[in-house]
Amino acid sequence: MNFWYNNQKYNVIGVVKDYHYQALNYEIGPQLFTMKNDNSYGRFFIKIRPGSETSSLKQIQKVFKAIFPLSPYTYTFMNEENLKSYEAEAKWKQIMLFGAILTIFISCIGLFGLSVLSAEKRTKEIGIRKVLGASVRGVVTILSKDFLKLVGIALIIAIPAAYIVGNKWLQNYPYRIALNWWLFVSAAVMVILIALITVSFQAIKTAVANPVKSLRTE
């Protein structure tokens, strides 16, 4: 092949598979490796066996200083360079994780408060149902289904919004995963379980209470 800027001919001695030499928000582009004695080399890429970093770096430094005694010797690890490429993603991950935990905590407090208020308002109703033969499981179901309706409405609003935002964010990457339906189903199941655990304590407490105490004022 003819080199484009000096019209010199080079022989192709090998072809390597495509790999990411830039961040993942860039497509894999063409890359050419040349080897000629009068070329200036800016960087060397050397693969080091894991566990031998200290001894390998000393040997590399020794050889480098012997060949280039007047050039400064510096090195970086590619895994560190890769991490720098995704600092923004790492920060966004921390922010979203903290926001999700805080949101779930606040939501659980609100659900617990609503369950306590609902149980107090329906104390006499629950007492009558138990006198008429309602089981603890049935009472817990009655107290929990109203909250599950609220959670279901929230999921109907949140899932499409999450899909739109997630899909738009993934457009920044030429090689990306698909947002499969099971991701949203698993998230919905987790949210429902958290809601049930939050309201079940007060629901069970109300369901096992003595109905005589709740009906004494009637």
Protein backbone atom coordinates (compact mmCIF):
# COMPACT_ATOMS: atom_id res chain seq x y z
CA MET A 1 0.00 0.00 0.00
CA ASN A 2 1.07 3.59 -0.63
CA PHE A 3 1.32 5.82 2.40
CA TRP A 4 -0.81 8.90 1.84
CA TYR A 5 1.44 11.77 2.92
CA ASN A 6 4.88 10.70 1.67
CA ASN A 7 3.85 8.24 -1.06
CA GLN A 8 6.04 5.51 0.42
CA LYS A 9 5.15 1.89 -0.05
CA TYR A 10 4.50 -0.32 2.96
CA ASN A 11 4.00 -4.06 3.09
CA VAL A 12 1.05 -5.31 5.12
CA ILE A 13 2.35 -8.03 7.44
CA GLY A 14 -0.72 -8.58 9.58
CA VAL A 15 -4.31 -7.63 10.37
CA VAL A 16 -5.81 -7.48 13.87
CA LYS A 17 -9.42 -7.65 14.97
CA ASP A 18 -11.34 -4.47 15.63
CA TYR A 19 -11.07 -3.23 19.20
CA HIS A 20 -12.03 -0.14 21.18
CA TYR A 21 -9.03 2.17 21.40
CA GLN A 22 -11.28 5.10 22.35
CA ALA A 23 -14.21 5.51 24.72
CA LEU A 24 -17.31 3.45 23.99
CA ASN A 25 -19.27 6.49 22.81
CA TYR A 26 -17.12 6.48 19.66
CA GLU A 27 -17.40 4.00 16.83
CA ILE A 28 -14.48 1.70 16.12
CA GLY A 29 -12.48 3.47 13.43
CA PRO A 30 -9.60 2.38 11.20
CA GLN A 31 -6.18 2.26 12.76
CA LEU A 32 -2.79 1.76 11.14
CA PHE A 33 0.39 0.58 12.84
CA THR A 34 3.64 1.34 11.06
CA MET A 35 7.16 0.26 11.90
CA LYS A 36 10.17 2.04 10.46
CA ASN A 37 13.45 2.99 12.01
CA ASP A 38 13.27 6.69 11.11
CA ASN A 39 9.70 7.08 12.43
CA SER A 40 9.16 8.98 15.66
CA TYR A 41 7.36 6.91 18.27
CA GLY A 42 5.21 8.82 20.74
CA ARG A 43 3.87 5.91 22.77
CA PHE A 44 4.60 2.25 23.25
CA PHE A 45 1.88 -0.21 24.25
CA ILE A 46 3.33 -3.07 26.28
CA LYS A 47 1.34 -5.94 27.71
CA ILE A 48 2.47 -6.95 31.20
CA ARG A 49 1.69 -10.24 32.88
CA PRO A 50 -0.57 -9.65 35.93
CA GLY A 51 1.39 -9.77 39.16
CA SER A 52 4.71 -8.73 37.60
CA GLU A 53 4.07 -5.00 37.34
CA THR A 54 6.92 -3.86 39.61
CA SER A 55 9.68 -5.94 38.04
CA SER A 56 8.37 -5.33 34.50
CA LEU A 57 8.30 -1.56 34.94
CA LYS A 58 11.88 -1.54 36.24
CA GLN A 59 13.06 -3.56 33.26
CA ILE A 60 11.13 -1.36 30.81
CA GLN A 61 12.63 1.76 32.37
CA LYS A 62 16.14 0.31 32.11
CA VAL A 63 15.73 -0.49 28.40
CA PHE A 64 14.06 2.86 27.68
CA LYS A 65 16.87 4.85 29.30
CA ALA A 66 19.45 2.84 27.35
CA ILE A 67 17.77 3.65 24.03
CA PHE A 68 16.48 7.15 24.79
CA PRO A 69 18.76 8.58 27.49
CA LEU A 70 17.61 12.18 26.97
CA SER A 71 13.85 11.51 26.87
CA PRO A 72 11.72 11.55 30.02
CA TYR A 73 10.36 8.17 31.08
CA THR A 74 6.65 8.19 31.93
CA TYR A 75 3.99 5.51 31.87
CA THR A 76 0.29 4.99 32.48
CA PHE A 77 -1.86 1.90 32.74
CA MET A 78 -4.60 1.45 30.16
CA ASN A 79 -7.17 0.40 32.77
CA GLU A 80 -6.63 3.76 34.49
CA GLU A 81 -6.99 5.55 31.15
CA ASN A 82 -10.22 3.64 30.51
CA LEU A 83 -11.62 4.64 33.90
CA LYS A 84 -10.90 8.31 33.14
CA SER A 85 -12.96 7.96 29.96
CA TYR A 86 -16.01 7.02 32.02
CA GLU A 87 -15.71 9.46 34.92
CA ALA A 88 -18.93 11.19 33.89
CA GLU A 89 -20.82 7.87 33.75
CA ALA A 90 -19.44 6.88 37.16
CA LYS A 91 -20.56 10.17 38.70
CA TRP A 92 -24.03 9.88 37.16
CA LYS A 93 -24.25 6.33 38.50
CA GLN A 94 -23.52 7.54 42.04
CA ILE A 95 -25.99 10.41 41.72
CA MET A 96 -28.78 8.16 40.42
CA LEU A 97 -28.08 5.49 43.04
CA PHE A 98 -28.22 8.04 45.85
CA GLY A 99 -31.37 9.59 44.39
CA ALA A 100 -33.05 6.18 44.03
CA ILE A 101 -32.25 5.20 47.62
CA LEU A 102 -33.46 8.55 48.95
CA THR A 103 -36.65 8.38 46.87
CA ILE A 104 -37.43 4.84 48.02
CA PHE A 105 -36.82 5.82 51.66
CA ILE A 106 -39.12 8.85 51.45
CA SER A 107 -41.76 6.80 49.61
CA CYS A 108 -41.65 4.09 52.27
CA ILE A 109 -42.13 6.68 55.01
CA GLY A 110 -45.14 8.08 53.14
CA LEU A 111 -46.64 4.63 52.57
CA PHE A 112 -46.17 3.71 56.21
CA GLY A 113 -47.87 6.92 57.33
CA LEU A 114 -50.79 6.32 54.97
CA SER A 115 -51.13 2.73 56.17
CA VAL A 116 -51.29 3.88 59.80
CA LEU A 117 -53.91 6.52 58.95
CA SER A 118 -55.97 4.06 56.90
CA ALA A 119 -55.85 1.44 59.65
CA GLU A 120 -57.04 3.93 62.27
CA LYS A 121 -59.93 5.08 60.08
CA ARG A 122 -61.04 1.50 59.33
CA THR A 123 -60.55 0.03 62.79
CA LYS A 124 -64.26 -0.52 63.41
CA GLU A 125 -64.78 -1.84 59.87
CA ILE A 126 -62.01 -4.38 60.40
CA GLY A 127 -63.51 -5.34 63.76
CA ILE A 128 -66.90 -6.02 62.18
CA ARG A 129 -65.33 -8.04 59.37
CA LYS A 130 -63.45 -10.19 61.89
CA VAL A 131 -66.59 -10.78 63.92
CA LEU A 132 -68.33 -11.90 60.75
CA GLY A 133 -65.57 -14.42 60.09
CA ALA A 134 -62.94 -12.57 58.03
CA SER A 135 -59.48 -14.12 58.23
CA VAL A 136 -56.25 -12.28 58.99
CA ARG A 137 -55.11 -12.87 55.41
CA GLY A 138 -58.34 -11.38 54.06
CA VAL A 139 -58.04 -8.31 56.27
CA VAL A 140 -54.42 -7.75 55.24
CA THR A 141 -55.45 -8.04 51.61
CA ILE A 142 -58.20 -5.45 52.07
CA LEU A 143 -55.82 -2.99 53.70
CA SER A 144 -53.04 -3.54 51.14
CA LYS A 145 -54.92 -3.48 47.84
CA ASP A 146 -55.60 0.26 47.99
CA PHE A 147 -51.89 0.97 48.27
CA LEU A 148 -51.12 -1.45 45.46
CA LYS A 149 -53.47 0.53 43.25
CA LEU A 150 -51.45 3.67 43.95
CA VAL A 151 -48.21 1.82 43.23
CA GLY A 152 -49.69 0.46 40.00
CA ILE A 153 -50.66 3.98 38.84
CA ALA A 154 -47.14 5.18 39.66
CA LEU A 155 -45.62 2.32 37.63
CA ILE A 156 -47.86 3.09 34.65
CA ILE A 157 -46.47 6.63 34.65
CA ALA A 158 -42.86 5.76 35.51
CA ILE A 159 -42.16 2.83 33.15
CA PRO A 160 -42.79 4.70 29.85
CA ALA A 161 -40.83 7.70 31.14
CA ALA A 162 -37.92 5.45 32.18
CA TYR A 163 -37.95 3.75 28.78
CA ILE A 164 -37.87 7.05 26.90
CA VAL A 165 -35.07 8.53 29.03
CA GLY A 166 -33.03 5.31 29.04
CA ASN A 167 -33.37 4.80 25.30
CA LYS A 168 -32.37 8.40 24.62
CA TRP A 169 -29.28 8.06 26.85
CA LEU A 170 -28.22 4.87 25.07
CA GLN A 171 -28.22 6.71 21.74
CA ASN A 172 -24.90 8.25 22.81
CA TYR A 173 -23.26 4.85 22.32
CA PRO A 174 -22.92 3.25 18.88
CA TYR A 175 -22.75 -0.23 20.47
CA ARG A 176 -25.51 -0.53 23.05
CA ILE A 177 -27.83 -3.00 24.73
CA ALA A 178 -31.55 -3.23 24.12
CA LEU A 179 -34.02 -2.20 26.82
CA ASN A 180 -35.78 -5.54 27.25
CA TRP A 181 -39.17 -5.84 28.88
CA TRP A 182 -37.86 -7.98 31.75
CA LEU A 183 -35.80 -5.03 33.06
CA PHE A 184 -38.97 -3.06 33.72
CA VAL A 185 -40.90 -6.09 34.99
CA SER A 186 -38.19 -6.90 37.53
CA ALA A 187 -38.11 -3.27 38.66
CA ALA A 188 -41.90 -3.24 39.01
CA VAL A 189 -41.87 -6.47 41.05
CA MET A 190 -39.20 -5.02 43.33
CA VAL A 191 -41.21 -1.84 43.87
CA ILE A 192 -44.36 -3.83 44.68
CA LEU A 193 -42.46 -6.01 47.16
CA ILE A 194 -41.02 -2.94 48.90
CA ALA A 195 -44.50 -1.41 49.11
CA LEU A 196 -46.00 -4.62 50.51
CA ILE A 197 -43.27 -4.98 53.11
CA THR A 198 -43.79 -1.35 54.16
CA VAL A 199 -47.57 -1.54 54.64
CA SER A 200 -47.77 -5.16 55.80
CA PHE A 201 -46.52 -4.39 59.31
CA GLN A 202 -49.38 -2.06 60.14
CA ALA A 203 -51.87 -4.19 58.19
CA ILE A 204 -50.97 -7.35 60.11
CA LYS A 205 -51.00 -5.45 63.40
CA THR A 206 -54.52 -4.24 62.68
CA ALA A 207 -55.70 -7.63 61.39
CA VAL A 208 -54.61 -9.55 64.52
CA ALA A 209 -56.02 -6.97 66.96
CA ASN A 210 -58.90 -7.98 69.23
CA PRO A 211 -62.15 -6.91 67.49
CA VAL A 212 -63.84 -6.43 70.87
CA LYS A 213 -61.64 -3.40 71.62
CA SER A 214 -62.42 -1.76 68.29
CA LEU A 215 -66.19 -2.31 68.68
CA ARG A 216 -66.44 -1.35 72.36
CA THR A 217 -67.43 2.20 71.56
CA GLU A 218 -70.18 1.18 69.17
